[in-house]
């Protein structure tokens, strides 16, 4: 069974990481919450040593945090990080400023996992003020589009190898909510593609 990891910072997470595992279609996707960037690199390196074949980082890491993880993991597995297109930059900037001001917002992660059942394969963490963090495993782009229609979140991040047009289609289905998608450095592209094809 091939395993990938999606990592995001969550201040109240266990220092060794809080894990939620989704399995479908011969694949395992581990959603890993870490308290901060400093804790992330060593926890991710441990999971890679245990056999994880791909790492994807949420936009909360930024390029500096991603560089720390890449340095720790080395070239053992591809590491990708969320980036946002120009259509999302103003909205994601507002989201970030609100976050820095200590105001909570809702977020949605869409995890591409062929064979997943979005009704079952989800994590929902309710927050004060009616906000939430949702991570939903979806089998394909059509299911992702259905998941975002009518949703009220500050951002959407997509993981798991969605195609090149997925961010645009999800952005449209979500009514203009900022959508970030995973990108890989040129040195990791072939390895990431091989992992997806396996």
C-alpha atoms as a PDB file:
ATOM      1  CA  UNK A   1       0.000   0.000   0.000  1.00  0.00           C
ATOM      2  CA  UNK A   2       1.449   3.370  -0.965  1.00  0.00           C
ATOM      3  CA  UNK A   3       1.296   6.139   1.612  1.00  0.00           C
ATOM      4  CA  UNK A   4       1.360   9.888   1.289  1.00  0.00           C
ATOM      5  CA  UNK A   5       1.344  12.523   4.024  1.00  0.00           C
ATOM      6  CA  UNK A   6      -0.481  15.858   4.097  1.00  0.00           C
ATOM      7  CA  UNK A   7       0.917  18.096   6.846  1.00  0.00           C
ATOM      8  CA  UNK A   8      -0.541  21.220   8.435  1.00  0.00           C
ATOM      9  CA  UNK A   9       0.266  23.301  11.529  1.00  0.00           C
ATOM     10  CA  UNK A  10      -2.191  23.135  14.420  1.00  0.00           C
ATOM     11  CA  UNK A  11      -0.988  24.770  17.657  1.00  0.00           C
ATOM     12  CA  UNK A  12      -2.698  22.254  19.984  1.00  0.00           C
ATOM     13  CA  UNK A  13      -1.410  19.166  18.131  1.00  0.00           C
ATOM     14  CA  UNK A  14       0.712  16.561  19.889  1.00  0.00           C
ATOM     15  CA  UNK A  15       4.445  17.377  19.468  1.00  0.00           C
ATOM     16  CA  UNK A  16       4.867  13.987  17.724  1.00  0.00           C
ATOM     17  CA  UNK A  17       1.968  14.836  15.409  1.00  0.00           C
ATOM     18  CA  UNK A  18      -1.745  14.125  15.503  1.00  0.00           C
ATOM     19  CA  UNK A  19      -2.584  11.628  12.752  1.00  0.00           C
ATOM     20  CA  UNK A  20      -5.785  10.884  10.876  1.00  0.00           C
ATOM     21  CA  UNK A  21      -5.532   8.070   8.338  1.00  0.00           C
ATOM     22  CA  UNK A  22      -7.700   7.592   5.254  1.00  0.00           C
ATOM     23  CA  UNK A  23      -7.414   4.380   3.207  1.00  0.00           C
ATOM     24  CA  UNK A  24      -9.022   3.549  -0.134  1.00  0.00           C
ATOM     25  CA  UNK A  25      -8.097   1.976  -3.438  1.00  0.00           C
ATOM     26  CA  UNK A  26      -4.822   0.495  -2.164  1.00  0.00           C
ATOM     27  CA  UNK A  27      -3.561   3.870  -0.934  1.00  0.00           C
ATOM     28  CA  UNK A  28      -3.143   5.375   2.497  1.00  0.00           C
ATOM     29  CA  UNK A  29      -3.188   9.114   3.102  1.00  0.00           C
ATOM     30  CA  UNK A  30      -2.084  10.335   6.530  1.00  0.00           C
ATOM     31  CA  UNK A  31      -3.276  13.782   7.544  1.00  0.00           C
ATOM     32  CA  UNK A  32      -0.674  15.002  10.034  1.00  0.00           C
ATOM     33  CA  UNK A  33      -1.227  17.974  12.338  1.00  0.00           C
ATOM     34  CA  UNK A  34       1.942  19.344  13.943  1.00  0.00           C
ATOM     35  CA  UNK A  35       2.225  22.130  16.537  1.00  0.00           C
ATOM     36  CA  UNK A  36       4.553  24.243  14.402  1.00  0.00           C
ATOM     37  CA  UNK A  37       7.166  24.222  11.665  1.00  0.00           C
ATOM     38  CA  UNK A  38       9.967  23.459  14.118  1.00  0.00           C
ATOM     39  CA  UNK A  39       8.331  20.156  15.119  1.00  0.00           C
ATOM     40  CA  UNK A  40       7.264  19.219  11.598  1.00  0.00           C
ATOM     41  CA  UNK A  41      10.563  18.304   9.957  1.00  0.00           C
ATOM     42  CA  UNK A  42      11.578  15.576  12.416  1.00  0.00           C
ATOM     43  CA  UNK A  43       8.073  14.052  12.603  1.00  0.00           C
ATOM     44  CA  UNK A  44       7.814  13.963   8.803  1.00  0.00           C
ATOM     45  CA  UNK A  45      11.286  12.419   8.531  1.00  0.00           C
ATOM     46  CA  UNK A  46      10.153   9.636  10.899  1.00  0.00           C
ATOM     47  CA  UNK A  47       7.103   8.884   8.722  1.00  0.00           C
ATOM     48  CA  UNK A  48       9.281   8.820   5.618  1.00  0.00           C
ATOM     49  CA  UNK A  49      11.611   6.363   7.385  1.00  0.00           C
ATOM     50  CA  UNK A  50       8.514   4.210   8.106  1.00  0.00           C
ATOM     51  CA  UNK A  51       7.712   4.077   4.373  1.00  0.00           C
ATOM     52  CA  UNK A  52       5.724   7.164   3.358  1.00  0.00           C
ATOM     53  CA  UNK A  53       6.467   7.912  -0.291  1.00  0.00           C
ATOM     54  CA  UNK A  54       5.222  11.482  -0.753  1.00  0.00           C
ATOM     55  CA  UNK A  55       4.857  14.587   1.447  1.00  0.00           C
ATOM     56  CA  UNK A  56       2.539  17.543   0.792  1.00  0.00           C
ATOM     57  CA  UNK A  57       2.614  20.655   2.981  1.00  0.00           C
ATOM     58  CA  UNK A  58      -0.257  23.071   3.547  1.00  0.00           C
ATOM     59  CA  UNK A  59       0.137  26.737   2.696  1.00  0.00           C
ATOM     60  CA  UNK A  60       0.715  27.572   6.368  1.00  0.00           C
ATOM     61  CA  UNK A  61       4.306  26.395   6.005  1.00  0.00           C
ATOM     62  CA  UNK A  62       5.297  28.864   3.323  1.00  0.00           C
ATOM     63  CA  UNK A  63       8.599  28.543   1.494  1.00  0.00           C
ATOM     64  CA  UNK A  64      10.748  28.853   4.638  1.00  0.00           C
ATOM     65  CA  UNK A  65       8.935  26.033   6.448  1.00  0.00           C
ATOM     66  CA  UNK A  66       8.908  23.907   3.302  1.00  0.00           C
ATOM     67  CA  UNK A  67      12.671  24.386   2.931  1.00  0.00           C
ATOM     68  CA  UNK A  68      13.204  23.074   6.474  1.00  0.00           C
ATOM     69  CA  UNK A  69      11.186  19.946   5.710  1.00  0.00           C
ATOM     70  CA  UNK A  70      12.960  19.402   2.389  1.00  0.00           C
ATOM     71  CA  UNK A  71      16.351  19.743   4.118  1.00  0.00           C
ATOM     72  CA  UNK A  72      15.347  17.153   6.743  1.00  0.00           C
ATOM     73  CA  UNK A  73      13.809  14.675   4.289  1.00  0.00           C
ATOM     74  CA  UNK A  74      16.480  15.159   1.623  1.00  0.00           C
ATOM     75  CA  UNK A  75      15.876  13.400  -1.659  1.00  0.00           C
ATOM     76  CA  UNK A  76      14.290  10.304  -0.085  1.00  0.00           C
ATOM     77  CA  UNK A  77      10.767  11.314  -1.217  1.00  0.00           C
ATOM     78  CA  UNK A  78       9.201  14.215  -3.132  1.00  0.00           C
ATOM     79  CA  UNK A  79       8.001  17.133  -0.987  1.00  0.00           C
ATOM     80  CA  UNK A  80       5.412  19.520  -2.411  1.00  0.00           C
ATOM     81  CA  UNK A  81       3.883  22.657  -0.939  1.00  0.00           C
ATOM     82  CA  UNK A  82       0.671  24.592  -1.481  1.00  0.00           C
ATOM     83  CA  UNK A  83       0.814  27.689  -3.648  1.00  0.00           C
ATOM     84  CA  UNK A  84      -1.923  30.081  -4.728  1.00  0.00           C
ATOM     85  CA  UNK A  85      -2.642  31.532  -8.160  1.00  0.00           C
ATOM     86  CA  UNK A  86      -2.982  35.238  -8.860  1.00  0.00           C
ATOM     87  CA  UNK A  87      -6.800  35.004  -8.766  1.00  0.00           C
ATOM     88  CA  UNK A  88      -6.565  34.008  -5.082  1.00  0.00           C
ATOM     89  CA  UNK A  89      -3.795  36.313  -3.828  1.00  0.00           C
ATOM     90  CA  UNK A  90      -5.922  39.230  -2.569  1.00  0.00           C
ATOM     91  CA  UNK A  91      -8.341  36.921  -0.745  1.00  0.00           C
ATOM     92  CA  UNK A  92      -5.577  34.755   0.729  1.00  0.00           C
ATOM     93  CA  UNK A  93      -3.790  37.916   1.912  1.00  0.00           C
ATOM     94  CA  UNK A  94      -6.960  39.002   3.736  1.00  0.00           C
ATOM     95  CA  UNK A  95      -7.227  35.495   5.201  1.00  0.00           C
ATOM     96  CA  UNK A  96      -3.628  35.642   6.429  1.00  0.00           C
ATOM     97  CA  UNK A  97      -4.021  39.115   7.978  1.00  0.00           C
ATOM     98  CA  UNK A  98      -7.160  37.938   9.792  1.00  0.00           C
ATOM     99  CA  UNK A  99      -5.242  34.895  11.055  1.00  0.00           C
ATOM    100  CA  UNK A 100      -2.364  37.092  12.291  1.00  0.00           C
ATOM    101  CA  UNK A 101      -4.895  39.255  14.130  1.00  0.00           C
ATOM    102  CA  UNK A 102      -5.982  36.144  16.058  1.00  0.00           C
ATOM    103  CA  UNK A 103      -9.361  35.774  14.394  1.00  0.00           C
ATOM    104  CA  UNK A 104     -10.458  32.247  13.534  1.00  0.00           C
ATOM    105  CA  UNK A 105     -11.817  31.212  10.140  1.00  0.00           C
ATOM    106  CA  UNK A 106     -13.037  28.034   8.490  1.00  0.00           C
ATOM    107  CA  UNK A 107     -10.828  25.964   6.179  1.00  0.00           C
ATOM    108  CA  UNK A 108     -11.401  23.053   3.825  1.00  0.00           C
ATOM    109  CA  UNK A 109      -8.776  20.544   2.669  1.00  0.00           C
ATOM    110  CA  UNK A 110      -9.721  18.300  -0.247  1.00  0.00           C
ATOM    111  CA  UNK A 111      -7.682  15.104  -0.423  1.00  0.00           C
ATOM    112  CA  UNK A 112      -7.767  13.176  -3.713  1.00  0.00           C
ATOM    113  CA  UNK A 113      -7.955   9.478  -2.840  1.00  0.00           C
ATOM    114  CA  UNK A 114      -9.476   7.201  -5.513  1.00  0.00           C
ATOM    115  CA  UNK A 115     -12.147   4.980  -3.958  1.00  0.00           C
ATOM    116  CA  UNK A 116     -12.767   7.356  -1.037  1.00  0.00           C
ATOM    117  CA  UNK A 117     -16.281   7.989   0.269  1.00  0.00           C
ATOM    118  CA  UNK A 118     -16.621  11.719   1.133  1.00  0.00           C
ATOM    119  CA  UNK A 119     -19.542  10.996   3.475  1.00  0.00           C
ATOM    120  CA  UNK A 120     -17.310   8.729   5.578  1.00  0.00           C
ATOM    121  CA  UNK A 121     -13.741   9.797   4.844  1.00  0.00           C
ATOM    122  CA  UNK A 122     -13.653  13.172   6.543  1.00  0.00           C
ATOM    123  CA  UNK A 123     -12.334  14.955   9.587  1.00  0.00           C
ATOM    124  CA  UNK A 124     -14.283  17.872  11.029  1.00  0.00           C
ATOM    125  CA  UNK A 125     -12.909  19.915  13.916  1.00  0.00           C
ATOM    126  CA  UNK A 126     -15.375  22.474  15.215  1.00  0.00           C
ATOM    127  CA  UNK A 127     -13.972  25.762  16.506  1.00  0.00           C
ATOM    128  CA  UNK A 128     -15.338  28.589  18.604  1.00  0.00           C
ATOM    129  CA  UNK A 129     -17.571  31.087  16.846  1.00  0.00           C
ATOM    130  CA  UNK A 130     -19.051  28.534  14.438  1.00  0.00           C
ATOM    131  CA  UNK A 131     -15.812  28.020  12.516  1.00  0.00           C
ATOM    132  CA  UNK A 132     -14.394  24.645  11.507  1.00  0.00           C
ATOM    133  CA  UNK A 133     -11.524  22.804   9.912  1.00  0.00           C
ATOM    134  CA  UNK A 134     -12.651  20.131   7.443  1.00  0.00           C
ATOM    135  CA  UNK A 135     -10.539  17.610   5.583  1.00  0.00           C
ATOM    136  CA  UNK A 136     -12.481  15.500   3.096  1.00  0.00           C
ATOM    137  CA  UNK A 137     -11.116  12.627   1.014  1.00  0.00           C
ATOM    138  CA  UNK A 138     -12.748  12.639  -2.416  1.00  0.00           C
ATOM    139  CA  UNK A 139     -12.458  10.038  -5.200  1.00  0.00           C
ATOM    140  CA  UNK A 140     -12.293  12.538  -8.073  1.00  0.00           C
ATOM    141  CA  UNK A 141     -12.624  16.152  -9.166  1.00  0.00           C
ATOM    142  CA  UNK A 142     -16.425  15.948  -9.609  1.00  0.00           C
ATOM    143  CA  UNK A 143     -16.809  14.929  -5.954  1.00  0.00           C
ATOM    144  CA  UNK A 144     -14.520  17.805  -4.935  1.00  0.00           C
ATOM    145  CA  UNK A 145     -16.667  20.271  -6.866  1.00  0.00           C
ATOM    146  CA  UNK A 146     -19.819  18.938  -5.162  1.00  0.00           C
ATOM    147  CA  UNK A 147     -18.137  19.271  -1.761  1.00  0.00           C
ATOM    148  CA  UNK A 148     -17.344  22.975  -2.209  1.00  0.00           C
ATOM    149  CA  UNK A 149     -20.642  24.180  -3.681  1.00  0.00           C
ATOM    150  CA  UNK A 150     -22.303  26.441  -1.139  1.00  0.00           C
ATOM    151  CA  UNK A 151     -19.517  26.072   1.429  1.00  0.00           C
ATOM    152  CA  UNK A 152     -18.505  29.030   3.577  1.00  0.00           C
ATOM    153  CA  UNK A 153     -14.769  28.826   4.233  1.00  0.00           C
ATOM    154  CA  UNK A 154     -11.865  31.252   4.109  1.00  0.00           C
ATOM    155  CA  UNK A 155      -9.699  28.978   1.987  1.00  0.00           C
ATOM    156  CA  UNK A 156      -9.565  25.651   0.219  1.00  0.00           C
ATOM    157  CA  UNK A 157      -6.407  23.621  -0.277  1.00  0.00           C
ATOM    158  CA  UNK A 158      -6.260  20.624  -2.608  1.00  0.00           C
ATOM    159  CA  UNK A 159      -3.886  17.691  -2.188  1.00  0.00           C
ATOM    160  CA  UNK A 160      -3.255  14.313  -3.735  1.00  0.00           C
ATOM    161  CA  UNK A 161      -2.499  14.924  -7.389  1.00  0.00           C
ATOM    162  CA  UNK A 162      -5.483  16.773  -8.795  1.00  0.00           C
ATOM    163  CA  UNK A 163      -5.017  17.731 -12.448  1.00  0.00           C
ATOM    164  CA  UNK A 164      -3.824  21.089 -13.696  1.00  0.00           C
ATOM    165  CA  UNK A 165      -7.326  22.547 -14.108  1.00  0.00           C
ATOM    166  CA  UNK A 166      -8.635  21.400 -10.720  1.00  0.00           C
ATOM    167  CA  UNK A 167      -7.865  24.582  -8.778  1.00  0.00           C
ATOM    168  CA  UNK A 168      -9.722  26.690 -11.358  1.00  0.00           C
ATOM    169  CA  UNK A 169     -12.741  24.377 -11.352  1.00  0.00           C
ATOM    170  CA  UNK A 170     -12.875  24.217  -7.545  1.00  0.00           C
ATOM    171  CA  UNK A 171     -12.388  28.014  -7.327  1.00  0.00           C
ATOM    172  CA  UNK A 172     -15.401  28.440  -9.637  1.00  0.00           C
ATOM    173  CA  UNK A 173     -17.539  25.814  -7.852  1.00  0.00           C
ATOM    174  CA  UNK A 174     -16.759  27.500  -4.524  1.00  0.00           C
ATOM    175  CA  UNK A 175     -17.859  30.923  -5.752  1.00  0.00           C
ATOM    176  CA  UNK A 176     -14.391  32.467  -5.781  1.00  0.00           C
ATOM    177  CA  UNK A 177     -13.002  31.084  -2.501  1.00  0.00           C
ATOM    178  CA  UNK A 178      -9.175  31.112  -2.687  1.00  0.00           C
ATOM    179  CA  UNK A 179      -7.832  27.705  -3.720  1.00  0.00           C
ATOM    180  CA  UNK A 180      -4.264  26.543  -3.202  1.00  0.00           C
ATOM    181  CA  UNK A 181      -2.789  23.515  -4.937  1.00  0.00           C
ATOM    182  CA  UNK A 182       0.401  21.526  -4.421  1.00  0.00           C
ATOM    183  CA  UNK A 183       3.446  22.276  -6.532  1.00  0.00           C
ATOM    184  CA  UNK A 184       6.787  20.477  -6.613  1.00  0.00           C
ATOM    185  CA  UNK A 185      10.267  21.712  -7.376  1.00  0.00           C
ATOM    186  CA  UNK A 186      11.697  20.583 -10.670  1.00  0.00           C
ATOM    187  CA  UNK A 187      13.919  18.085  -8.849  1.00  0.00           C
ATOM    188  CA  UNK A 188      10.836  16.289  -7.439  1.00  0.00           C
ATOM    189  CA  UNK A 189       8.452  16.317 -10.396  1.00  0.00           C
ATOM    190  CA  UNK A 190       9.421  12.958 -11.908  1.00  0.00           C
ATOM    191  CA  UNK A 191       9.383  11.224  -8.516  1.00  0.00           C
ATOM    192  CA  UNK A 192       5.997  12.738  -7.622  1.00  0.00           C
ATOM    193  CA  UNK A 193       4.557  11.609 -10.967  1.00  0.00           C
ATOM    194  CA  UNK A 194       5.967   8.087 -10.476  1.00  0.00           C
ATOM    195  CA  UNK A 195       4.411   7.895  -6.992  1.00  0.00           C
ATOM    196  CA  UNK A 196       1.010   8.877  -8.412  1.00  0.00           C
ATOM    197  CA  UNK A 197       1.283   6.367 -11.244  1.00  0.00           C
ATOM    198  CA  UNK A 198       2.133   3.424  -8.923  1.00  0.00           C
END
